[in-house]
């Protein structure tokens, strides 16, 4: 059974509404990906979306549950 402890890469994606960020936790098994999201209080522009900062947030989210 795959758990969040098996995540090897995190992807952060800003959705089209510019308020929702999805975090994808990828495992070595291509058929097993974890997903979480958060909604921001205000919309942000895609240019202001700093992916590296959000990747850190995504890793923190997944590792709290591992």
PDB file of N, CA and C in Angstrom:
ATOM      1  N   UNK A   1       0.838  -1.187   0.000  1.00  0.00           N
ATOM      2  CA  UNK A   1       0.000   0.000   0.000  1.00  0.00           C
ATOM      3  C   UNK A   1       0.882   1.249   0.000  1.00  0.00           C
ATOM      4  N   UNK A   2       0.556   2.182  -0.842  1.00  0.00           N
ATOM      5  CA  UNK A   2       1.296   3.439  -0.945  1.00  0.00           C
ATOM      6  C   UNK A   2       0.735   4.442   0.052  1.00  0.00           C
ATOM      7  N   UNK A   3       1.626   5.147   0.747  1.00  0.00           N
ATOM      8  CA  UNK A   3       1.214   6.182   1.696  1.00  0.00           C
ATOM      9  C   UNK A   3       1.890   7.493   1.327  1.00  0.00           C
ATOM     10  N   UNK A   4       1.535   8.571   2.016  1.00  0.00           N
ATOM     11  CA  UNK A   4       2.154   9.872   1.722  1.00  0.00           C
ATOM     12  C   UNK A   4       3.652   9.855   1.989  1.00  0.00           C
ATOM     13  N   UNK A   5       4.118   8.931   2.796  1.00  0.00           N
ATOM     14  CA  UNK A   5       5.556   8.812   3.036  1.00  0.00           C
ATOM     15  C   UNK A   5       6.305   8.389   1.779  1.00  0.00           C
ATOM     16  N   UNK A   6       5.586   7.862   0.789  1.00  0.00           N
ATOM     17  CA  UNK A   6       6.191   7.415  -0.462  1.00  0.00           C
ATOM     18  C   UNK A   6       6.291   8.522  -1.512  1.00  0.00           C
ATOM     19  N   UNK A   7       5.877   9.730  -1.188  1.00  0.00           N
ATOM     20  CA  UNK A   7       5.938  10.844  -2.143  1.00  0.00           C
ATOM     21  C   UNK A   7       7.392  11.195  -2.424  1.00  0.00           C
ATOM     22  N   UNK A   8       7.709  11.303  -3.710  1.00  0.00           N
ATOM     23  CA  UNK A   8       9.074  11.631  -4.126  1.00  0.00           C
ATOM     24  C   UNK A   8       9.165  13.006  -4.790  1.00  0.00           C
ATOM     25  N   UNK A   9       8.034  13.559  -5.190  1.00  0.00           N
ATOM     26  CA  UNK A   9       8.034  14.882  -5.829  1.00  0.00           C
ATOM     27  C   UNK A   9       6.684  15.553  -5.588  1.00  0.00           C
ATOM     28  N   UNK A  10       6.720  16.868  -5.420  1.00  0.00           N
ATOM     29  CA  UNK A  10       5.503  17.657  -5.218  1.00  0.00           C
ATOM     30  C   UNK A  10       5.390  18.670  -6.346  1.00  0.00           C
ATOM     31  N   UNK A  11       4.177  18.824  -6.843  1.00  0.00           N
ATOM     32  CA  UNK A  11       3.897  19.792  -7.900  1.00  0.00           C
ATOM     33  C   UNK A  11       2.818  20.747  -7.375  1.00  0.00           C
ATOM     34  N   UNK A  12       3.032  22.036  -7.517  1.00  0.00           N
ATOM     35  CA  UNK A  12       2.055  23.045  -7.111  1.00  0.00           C
ATOM     36  C   UNK A  12       1.499  23.704  -8.365  1.00  0.00           C
ATOM     37  N   UNK A  13       0.166  23.781  -8.450  1.00  0.00           N
ATOM     38  CA  UNK A  13      -0.479  24.327  -9.641  1.00  0.00           C
ATOM     39  C   UNK A  13      -1.507  25.363  -9.232  1.00  0.00           C
ATOM     40  N   UNK A  14      -1.399  26.559  -9.788  1.00  0.00           N
ATOM     41  CA  UNK A  14      -2.400  27.609  -9.578  1.00  0.00           C
ATOM     42  C   UNK A  14      -3.525  27.378 -10.574  1.00  0.00           C
ATOM     43  N   UNK A  15      -4.743  27.278 -10.070  1.00  0.00           N
ATOM     44  CA  UNK A  15      -5.893  27.002 -10.938  1.00  0.00           C
ATOM     45  C   UNK A  15      -6.348  28.256 -11.679  1.00  0.00           C
ATOM     46  N   UNK A  16      -7.244  28.056 -12.631  1.00  0.00           N
ATOM     47  CA  UNK A  16      -7.707  29.151 -13.478  1.00  0.00           C
ATOM     48  C   UNK A  16      -8.404  30.265 -12.712  1.00  0.00           C
ATOM     49  N   UNK A  17      -8.973  29.963 -11.548  1.00  0.00           N
ATOM     50  CA  UNK A  17      -9.646  31.005 -10.769  1.00  0.00           C
ATOM     51  C   UNK A  17      -8.657  31.916 -10.046  1.00  0.00           C
ATOM     52  N   UNK A  18      -7.359  31.580 -10.097  1.00  0.00           N
ATOM     53  CA  UNK A  18      -6.280  32.345  -9.460  1.00  0.00           C
ATOM     54  C   UNK A  18      -6.433  32.440  -7.944  1.00  0.00           C
ATOM     55  N   UNK A  19      -7.254  31.570  -7.366  1.00  0.00           N
ATOM     56  CA  UNK A  19      -7.436  31.534  -5.909  1.00  0.00           C
ATOM     57  C   UNK A  19      -7.195  30.156  -5.323  1.00  0.00           C
ATOM     58  N   UNK A  20      -7.147  29.150  -6.161  1.00  0.00           N
ATOM     59  CA  UNK A  20      -7.007  27.793  -5.682  1.00  0.00           C
ATOM     60  C   UNK A  20      -5.652  27.235  -6.115  1.00  0.00           C
ATOM     61  N   UNK A  21      -4.957  26.630  -5.159  1.00  0.00           N
ATOM     62  CA  UNK A  21      -3.676  25.987  -5.447  1.00  0.00           C
ATOM     63  C   UNK A  21      -3.841  24.498  -5.173  1.00  0.00           C
ATOM     64  N   UNK A  22      -3.512  23.683  -6.165  1.00  0.00           N
ATOM     65  CA  UNK A  22      -3.537  22.235  -6.006  1.00  0.00           C
ATOM     66  C   UNK A  22      -2.114  21.741  -5.806  1.00  0.00           C
ATOM     67  N   UNK A  23      -1.976  20.796  -4.907  1.00  0.00           N
ATOM     68  CA  UNK A  23      -0.696  20.145  -4.658  1.00  0.00           C
ATOM     69  C   UNK A  23      -0.827  18.688  -5.060  1.00  0.00           C
ATOM     70  N   UNK A  24       0.061  18.251  -5.929  1.00  0.00           N
ATOM     71  CA  UNK A  24       0.088  16.864  -6.353  1.00  0.00           C
ATOM     72  C   UNK A  24       1.329  16.223  -5.752  1.00  0.00           C
ATOM     73  N   UNK A  25       1.145  15.164  -5.012  1.00  0.00           N
ATOM     74  CA  UNK A  25       2.250  14.410  -4.430  1.00  0.00           C
ATOM     75  C   UNK A  25       2.489  13.169  -5.259  1.00  0.00           C
ATOM     76  N   UNK A  26       3.556  13.174  -6.039  1.00  0.00           N
ATOM     77  CA  UNK A  26       3.855  12.067  -6.953  1.00  0.00           C
ATOM     78  C   UNK A  26       4.692  11.004  -6.241  1.00  0.00           C
ATOM     79  N   UNK A  27       4.346   9.750  -6.478  1.00  0.00           N
ATOM     80  CA  UNK A  27       5.108   8.624  -5.949  1.00  0.00           C
ATOM     81  C   UNK A  27       5.849   7.950  -7.087  1.00  0.00           C
ATOM     82  N   UNK A  28       6.661   6.961  -6.747  1.00  0.00           N
ATOM     83  CA  UNK A  28       7.385   6.223  -7.787  1.00  0.00           C
ATOM     84  C   UNK A  28       6.419   5.434  -8.669  1.00  0.00           C
ATOM     85  N   UNK A  29       5.252   5.109  -8.147  1.00  0.00           N
ATOM     86  CA  UNK A  29       4.219   4.401  -8.905  1.00  0.00           C
ATOM     87  C   UNK A  29       3.398   5.431  -9.675  1.00  0.00           C
ATOM     88  N   UNK A  30       3.471   5.404 -10.991  1.00  0.00           N
ATOM     89  CA  UNK A  30       2.775   6.393 -11.818  1.00  0.00           C
ATOM     90  C   UNK A  30       1.261   6.355 -11.645  1.00  0.00           C
ATOM     91  N   UNK A  31       0.741   5.256 -11.129  1.00  0.00           N
ATOM     92  CA  UNK A  31      -0.697   5.125 -10.928  1.00  0.00           C
ATOM     93  C   UNK A  31      -1.159   5.667  -9.584  1.00  0.00           C
ATOM     94  N   UNK A  32      -0.227   6.130  -8.749  1.00  0.00           N
ATOM     95  CA  UNK A  32      -0.577   6.614  -7.406  1.00  0.00           C
ATOM     96  C   UNK A  32      -0.078   8.043  -7.226  1.00  0.00           C
ATOM     97  N   UNK A  33      -0.998   8.995  -7.202  1.00  0.00           N
ATOM     98  CA  UNK A  33      -0.672  10.398  -6.969  1.00  0.00           C
ATOM     99  C   UNK A  33      -1.630  10.931  -5.915  1.00  0.00           C
ATOM    100  N   UNK A  34      -1.100  11.631  -4.935  1.00  0.00           N
ATOM    101  CA  UNK A  34      -1.924  12.241  -3.901  1.00  0.00           C
ATOM    102  C   UNK A  34      -2.254  13.673  -4.318  1.00  0.00           C
ATOM    103  N   UNK A  35      -3.403  14.160  -3.889  1.00  0.00           N
ATOM    104  CA  UNK A  35      -3.845  15.497  -4.279  1.00  0.00           C
ATOM    105  C   UNK A  35      -4.426  16.209  -3.062  1.00  0.00           C
ATOM    106  N   UNK A  36      -4.087  17.480  -2.925  1.00  0.00           N
ATOM    107  CA  UNK A  36      -4.656  18.336  -1.887  1.00  0.00           C
ATOM    108  C   UNK A  36      -4.801  19.726  -2.482  1.00  0.00           C
ATOM    109  N   UNK A  37      -5.650  20.540  -1.890  1.00  0.00           N
ATOM    110  CA  UNK A  37      -5.809  21.908  -2.402  1.00  0.00           C
ATOM    111  C   UNK A  37      -6.027  22.874  -1.261  1.00  0.00           C
ATOM    112  N   UNK A  38      -5.797  24.133  -1.559  1.00  0.00           N
ATOM    113  CA  UNK A  38      -6.089  25.205  -0.622  1.00  0.00           C
ATOM    114  C   UNK A  38      -6.663  26.372  -1.411  1.00  0.00           C
ATOM    115  N   UNK A  39      -7.557  27.110  -0.782  1.00  0.00           N
ATOM    116  CA  UNK A  39      -8.150  28.282  -1.426  1.00  0.00           C
ATOM    117  C   UNK A  39      -7.605  29.530  -0.759  1.00  0.00           C
ATOM    118  N   UNK A  40      -7.134  30.452  -1.568  1.00  0.00           N
ATOM    119  CA  UNK A  40      -6.574  31.703  -1.070  1.00  0.00           C
ATOM    120  C   UNK A  40      -7.692  32.719  -0.839  1.00  0.00           C
ATOM    121  N   UNK A  41      -7.516  33.635   0.106  1.00  0.00           N
ATOM    122  CA  UNK A  41      -8.563  34.621   0.362  1.00  0.00           C
ATOM    123  C   UNK A  41      -8.746  35.624  -0.780  1.00  0.00           C
ATOM    124  N   UNK A  42      -7.685  35.858  -1.539  1.00  0.00           N
ATOM    125  CA  UNK A  42      -7.734  36.787  -2.673  1.00  0.00           C
ATOM    126  C   UNK A  42      -7.091  36.138  -3.885  1.00  0.00           C
ATOM    127  N   UNK A  43      -7.528  36.557  -5.057  1.00  0.00           N
ATOM    128  CA  UNK A  43      -6.922  36.055  -6.292  1.00  0.00           C
ATOM    129  C   UNK A  43      -5.526  36.654  -6.455  1.00  0.00           C
ATOM    130  N   UNK A  44      -4.628  35.883  -7.026  1.00  0.00           N
ATOM    131  CA  UNK A  44      -3.292  36.380  -7.345  1.00  0.00           C
ATOM    132  C   UNK A  44      -3.055  36.182  -8.839  1.00  0.00           C
ATOM    133  N   UNK A  45      -2.193  36.976  -9.395  1.00  0.00           N
ATOM    134  CA  UNK A  45      -1.895  36.829 -10.818  1.00  0.00           C
ATOM    135  C   UNK A  45      -0.926  35.658 -11.000  1.00  0.00           C
ATOM    136  N   UNK A  46      -1.013  34.970 -12.115  1.00  0.00           N
ATOM    137  CA  UNK A  46      -0.065  33.869 -12.357  1.00  0.00           C
ATOM    138  C   UNK A  46       1.389  34.324 -12.279  1.00  0.00           C
ATOM    139  N   UNK A  47       1.665  35.564 -12.666  1.00  0.00           N
ATOM    140  CA  UNK A  47       3.040  36.073 -12.604  1.00  0.00           C
ATOM    141  C   UNK A  47       3.527  36.194 -11.166  1.00  0.00           C
ATOM    142  N   UNK A  48       2.610  36.401 -10.229  1.00  0.00           N
ATOM    143  CA  UNK A  48       2.980  36.534  -8.815  1.00  0.00           C
ATOM    144  C   UNK A  48       3.033  35.183  -8.099  1.00  0.00           C
ATOM    145  N   UNK A  49       2.636  34.125  -8.785  1.00  0.00           N
ATOM    146  CA  UNK A  49       2.632  32.780  -8.206  1.00  0.00           C
ATOM    147  C   UNK A  49       4.050  32.237  -8.198  1.00  0.00           C
ATOM    148  N   UNK A  50       4.680  32.256  -7.034  1.00  0.00           N
ATOM    149  CA  UNK A  50       6.066  31.810  -6.903  1.00  0.00           C
ATOM    150  C   UNK A  50       6.073  30.313  -6.620  1.00  0.00           C
ATOM    151  N   UNK A  51       6.275  29.539  -7.650  1.00  0.00           N
ATOM    152  CA  UNK A  51       6.162  28.086  -7.556  1.00  0.00           C
ATOM    153  C   UNK A  51       7.086  27.516  -6.490  1.00  0.00           C
ATOM    154  N   UNK A  52       8.301  28.012  -6.383  1.00  0.00           N
ATOM    155  CA  UNK A  52       9.242  27.446  -5.407  1.00  0.00           C
ATOM    156  C   UNK A  52       8.719  27.609  -3.980  1.00  0.00           C
ATOM    157  N   UNK A  53       8.095  28.742  -3.680  1.00  0.00           N
ATOM    158  CA  UNK A  53       7.526  28.938  -2.343  1.00  0.00           C
ATOM    159  C   UNK A  53       6.380  27.973  -2.091  1.00  0.00           C
ATOM    160  N   UNK A  54       5.549  27.761  -3.092  1.00  0.00           N
ATOM    161  CA  UNK A  54       4.409  26.856  -2.941  1.00  0.00           C
ATOM    162  C   UNK A  54       4.853  25.408  -2.882  1.00  0.00           C
ATOM    163  N   UNK A  55       5.942  25.058  -3.518  1.00  0.00           N
ATOM    164  CA  UNK A  55       6.460  23.690  -3.413  1.00  0.00           C
ATOM    165  C   UNK A  55       6.839  23.380  -1.976  1.00  0.00           C
ATOM    166  N   UNK A  56       7.421  24.361  -1.301  1.00  0.00           N
ATOM    167  CA  UNK A  56       7.775  24.175   0.106  1.00  0.00           C
ATOM    168  C   UNK A  56       6.522  23.954   0.952  1.00  0.00           C
ATOM    169  N   UNK A  57       5.473  24.711   0.681  1.00  0.00           N
ATOM    170  CA  UNK A  57       4.202  24.533   1.389  1.00  0.00           C
ATOM    171  C   UNK A  57       3.645  23.138   1.126  1.00  0.00           C
ATOM    172  N   UNK A  58       3.717  22.692  -0.109  1.00  0.00           N
ATOM    173  CA  UNK A  58       3.232  21.361  -0.462  1.00  0.00           C
ATOM    174  C   UNK A  58       3.987  20.263   0.265  1.00  0.00           C
ATOM    175  N   UNK A  59       5.318  20.386   0.297  1.00  0.00           N
ATOM    176  CA  UNK A  59       6.116  19.390   1.027  1.00  0.00           C
ATOM    177  C   UNK A  59       5.753  19.393   2.499  1.00  0.00           C
ATOM    178  N   UNK A  60       5.580  20.570   3.100  1.00  0.00           N
ATOM    179  CA  UNK A  60       5.211  20.645   4.515  1.00  0.00           C
ATOM    180  C   UNK A  60       3.877  19.959   4.755  1.00  0.00           C
ATOM    181  N   UNK A  61       2.920  20.184   3.865  1.00  0.00           N
ATOM    182  CA  UNK A  61       1.599  19.554   4.005  1.00  0.00           C
ATOM    183  C   UNK A  61       1.711  18.038   4.000  1.00  0.00           C
ATOM    184  N   UNK A  62       2.412  17.503   3.011  1.00  0.00           N
ATOM    185  CA  UNK A  62       2.500  16.055   2.898  1.00  0.00           C
ATOM    186  C   UNK A  62       3.303  15.433   4.016  1.00  0.00           C
ATOM    187  N   UNK A  63       4.386  16.072   4.454  1.00  0.00           N
ATOM    188  CA  UNK A  63       5.239  15.479   5.475  1.00  0.00           C
ATOM    189  C   UNK A  63       4.594  15.531   6.872  1.00  0.00           C
ATOM    190  N   UNK A  64       3.660  16.464   7.096  1.00  0.00           N
ATOM    191  CA  UNK A  64       2.928  16.486   8.365  1.00  0.00           C
ATOM    192  C   UNK A  64       2.075  15.237   8.498  1.00  0.00           C
ATOM    193  N   UNK A  65       1.643  14.690   7.386  1.00  0.00           N
ATOM    194  CA  UNK A  65       0.753  13.530   7.404  1.00  0.00           C
ATOM    195  C   UNK A  65       1.519  12.210   7.320  1.00  0.00           C
ATOM    196  N   UNK A  66       2.814  12.289   7.042  1.00  0.00           N
ATOM    197  CA  UNK A  66       3.600  11.045   6.890  1.00  0.00           C
ATOM    198  C   UNK A  66       3.919  10.432   8.244  1.00  0.00           C
TER     199      UNK A  66
END
